[in-house]
Protein backbone atom coordinates (compact mmCIF):
# COMPACT_ATOMS: atom_id res chain seq x y z
CA UNK A 1 -77.00 -58.36 11.34
CA UNK A 2 -76.18 -61.16 8.89
CA UNK A 3 -78.65 -63.49 10.61
CA UNK A 4 -81.45 -61.26 9.36
CA UNK A 5 -80.04 -60.62 5.90
CA UNK A 6 -82.19 -63.35 4.33
CA UNK A 7 -85.30 -61.92 6.01
CA UNK A 8 -84.94 -58.88 3.80
CA UNK A 9 -83.44 -60.54 0.76
CA UNK A 10 -86.21 -63.11 0.33
CA UNK A 11 -89.08 -60.60 0.07
CA UNK A 12 -86.96 -58.45 -2.24
CA UNK A 13 -86.73 -61.28 -4.77
CA UNK A 14 -90.07 -62.94 -4.02
CA UNK A 15 -91.56 -62.13 -7.43
CA UNK A 16 -88.67 -63.97 -9.13
CA UNK A 17 -88.89 -66.88 -6.69
CA UNK A 18 -92.63 -67.12 -7.35
CA UNK A 19 -92.09 -67.45 -11.10
CA UNK A 20 -89.03 -69.72 -10.99
CA UNK A 21 -90.35 -72.06 -8.29
CA UNK A 22 -94.08 -71.77 -9.03
CA UNK A 23 -94.94 -70.70 -5.50
CA UNK A 24 -98.58 -70.47 -4.52
CA UNK A 25 -99.69 -67.47 -2.43
CA UNK A 26 -99.70 -69.72 0.63
CA UNK A 27 -96.14 -70.85 -0.06
CA UNK A 28 -95.09 -67.24 -0.51
CA UNK A 29 -96.43 -66.44 2.94
CA UNK A 30 -94.80 -69.53 4.44
CA UNK A 31 -91.47 -68.52 2.95
CA UNK A 32 -91.52 -65.40 5.11
CA UNK A 33 -92.96 -67.05 8.21
CA UNK A 34 -90.99 -70.30 8.42
CA UNK A 35 -87.76 -68.84 9.87
CA UNK A 36 -89.76 -67.41 12.77
CA UNK A 37 -91.72 -70.64 13.19
CA UNK A 38 -88.45 -72.60 13.27
CA UNK A 39 -86.97 -70.27 15.87
CA UNK A 40 -90.16 -70.50 17.94
CA UNK A 41 -90.13 -74.29 18.01
CA UNK A 42 -86.38 -74.60 18.62
CA UNK A 43 -86.10 -71.98 21.38
CA UNK A 44 -87.02 -74.26 24.33
CA UNK A 45 -84.53 -76.87 23.11
CA UNK A 46 -81.86 -74.25 22.45
CA UNK A 47 -82.02 -73.13 26.06
CA UNK A 48 -81.45 -76.72 27.16
CA UNK A 49 -78.57 -77.17 24.71
CA UNK A 50 -76.89 -73.98 25.89
CA UNK A 51 -77.24 -75.09 29.52
CA UNK A 52 -75.93 -78.62 29.01
CA UNK A 53 -73.15 -78.05 26.49
CA UNK A 54 -70.47 -75.46 25.90
CA UNK A 55 -72.25 -72.38 24.49
CA UNK A 56 -69.31 -71.68 22.18
CA UNK A 57 -69.76 -75.07 20.51
CA UNK A 58 -73.54 -74.62 20.29
CA UNK A 59 -73.17 -71.21 18.65
CA UNK A 60 -70.47 -72.45 16.24
CA UNK A 61 -72.58 -75.45 15.19
CA UNK A 62 -75.59 -73.16 14.78
CA UNK A 63 -73.58 -70.80 12.57
CA UNK A 64 -72.34 -73.68 10.43
CA UNK A 65 -75.86 -75.06 10.02
CA UNK A 66 -77.21 -71.59 9.25
CA UNK A 67 -74.56 -71.07 6.59
CA UNK A 68 -75.24 -74.49 5.08
CA UNK A 69 -79.01 -73.94 4.83
CA UNK A 70 -78.60 -70.39 3.49
CA UNK A 71 -76.32 -71.74 0.76
CA UNK A 72 -78.74 -74.59 0.01
CA UNK A 73 -81.55 -72.03 -0.21
CA UNK A 74 -79.50 -69.90 -2.61
CA UNK A 75 -78.62 -72.84 -4.86
CA UNK A 76 -81.99 -74.61 -4.88
CA UNK A 77 -82.87 -76.12 -8.26
CA UNK A 78 -85.22 -74.06 -10.41
CA UNK A 79 -88.32 -75.72 -11.90
CA UNK A 80 -87.82 -76.96 -15.42
CA UNK A 81 -91.06 -78.87 -15.93
CA UNK A 82 -93.64 -76.29 -17.04
CA UNK A 83 -96.63 -78.39 -16.01
CA UNK A 84 -95.58 -80.31 -12.92
CA UNK A 85 -95.06 -79.48 -9.31
CA UNK A 86 -91.69 -78.12 -8.38
CA UNK A 87 -89.59 -79.99 -5.83
CA UNK A 88 -87.39 -76.90 -5.57
CA UNK A 89 -90.19 -75.03 -3.83
CA UNK A 90 -90.22 -77.62 -1.06
CA UNK A 91 -86.45 -77.30 -0.74
CA UNK A 92 -86.88 -73.53 -0.34
CA UNK A 93 -89.51 -73.99 2.36
CA UNK A 94 -87.46 -76.62 4.19
CA UNK A 95 -84.37 -74.42 4.09
CA UNK A 96 -86.25 -71.45 5.54
CA UNK A 97 -87.52 -73.62 8.41
CA UNK A 98 -84.01 -74.97 9.02
CA UNK A 99 -82.58 -71.44 8.92
CA UNK A 100 -84.95 -70.44 11.72
CA UNK A 101 -84.10 -73.56 13.72
CA UNK A 102 -80.38 -72.90 13.32
CA UNK A 103 -80.73 -69.31 14.53
CA UNK A 104 -82.36 -70.14 17.87
CA UNK A 105 -79.16 -70.84 19.86
CA UNK A 106 -77.51 -67.72 18.49
CA UNK A 107 -80.46 -65.44 19.17
CA UNK A 108 -80.85 -66.74 22.70
CA UNK A 109 -77.17 -66.62 23.60
CA UNK A 110 -76.17 -63.24 22.11
CA UNK A 111 -77.81 -61.06 24.81
CA UNK A 112 -76.35 -63.32 27.50
CA UNK A 113 -72.92 -63.01 25.90
CA UNK A 114 -73.17 -59.22 25.76
CA UNK A 115 -74.28 -59.06 29.39
CA UNK A 116 -71.45 -61.34 30.49
CA UNK A 117 -68.51 -60.07 28.44
CA UNK A 118 -69.20 -56.43 27.59
CA UNK A 119 -67.26 -53.75 29.42
CA UNK A 120 -69.73 -52.56 32.09
CA UNK A 121 -69.64 -48.92 30.94
CA UNK A 122 -70.34 -49.99 27.35
CA UNK A 123 -72.86 -52.75 28.03
CA UNK A 124 -75.91 -50.73 26.97
CA UNK A 125 -74.16 -49.61 23.79
CA UNK A 126 -73.32 -53.21 22.89
CA UNK A 127 -76.87 -54.32 23.61
CA UNK A 128 -78.33 -51.50 21.51
CA UNK A 129 -75.99 -52.41 18.62
CA UNK A 130 -77.10 -56.01 18.95
CA UNK A 131 -80.75 -54.97 18.74
CA UNK A 132 -80.05 -52.59 15.83
CA UNK A 133 -78.61 -55.51 13.87
CA UNK A 134 -82.07 -56.96 13.26
CA UNK A 135 -83.56 -54.10 11.21
CA UNK A 136 -80.19 -53.33 9.63
CA UNK A 137 -79.88 -56.92 8.42
CA UNK A 138 -83.37 -56.86 6.93
CA UNK A 139 -82.68 -53.51 5.26
CA UNK A 140 -79.37 -54.72 3.81
CA UNK A 141 -81.13 -57.83 2.53
CA UNK A 142 -83.51 -55.62 0.58
CA UNK A 143 -80.69 -53.45 -0.75
CA UNK A 144 -78.38 -56.27 -1.90
CA UNK A 145 -80.91 -58.30 -3.86
């Protein structure tokens, strides 16, 4: 659920981000799309990483990277120059791409983990809770802006 928190929180505060970071309409759209683009590009590599290395280490490193880039996104410097381009907007965009990249191992491994470790009689419940975490995370992101 927390992996998708920023997917709801970012659109909820987009009007403030647009003013503070001088985002163009194209950058606003990229801000929402880049996590998915990052996950898309990292997914083939994430499968290889999970096959070659201990999945627990891959998931832990992914969580640490995700936390780091979410914090960097949250504390990006606001534009102070009223006439110039804002470097903070590029930091925002880079963080969103890195957030998507860092989520790939987690998103790929979670269903495998549920299938492997869930109690057989509760496996479908665990899988449905896992899938419900996506819209719940987005919704909570909107609510806690």
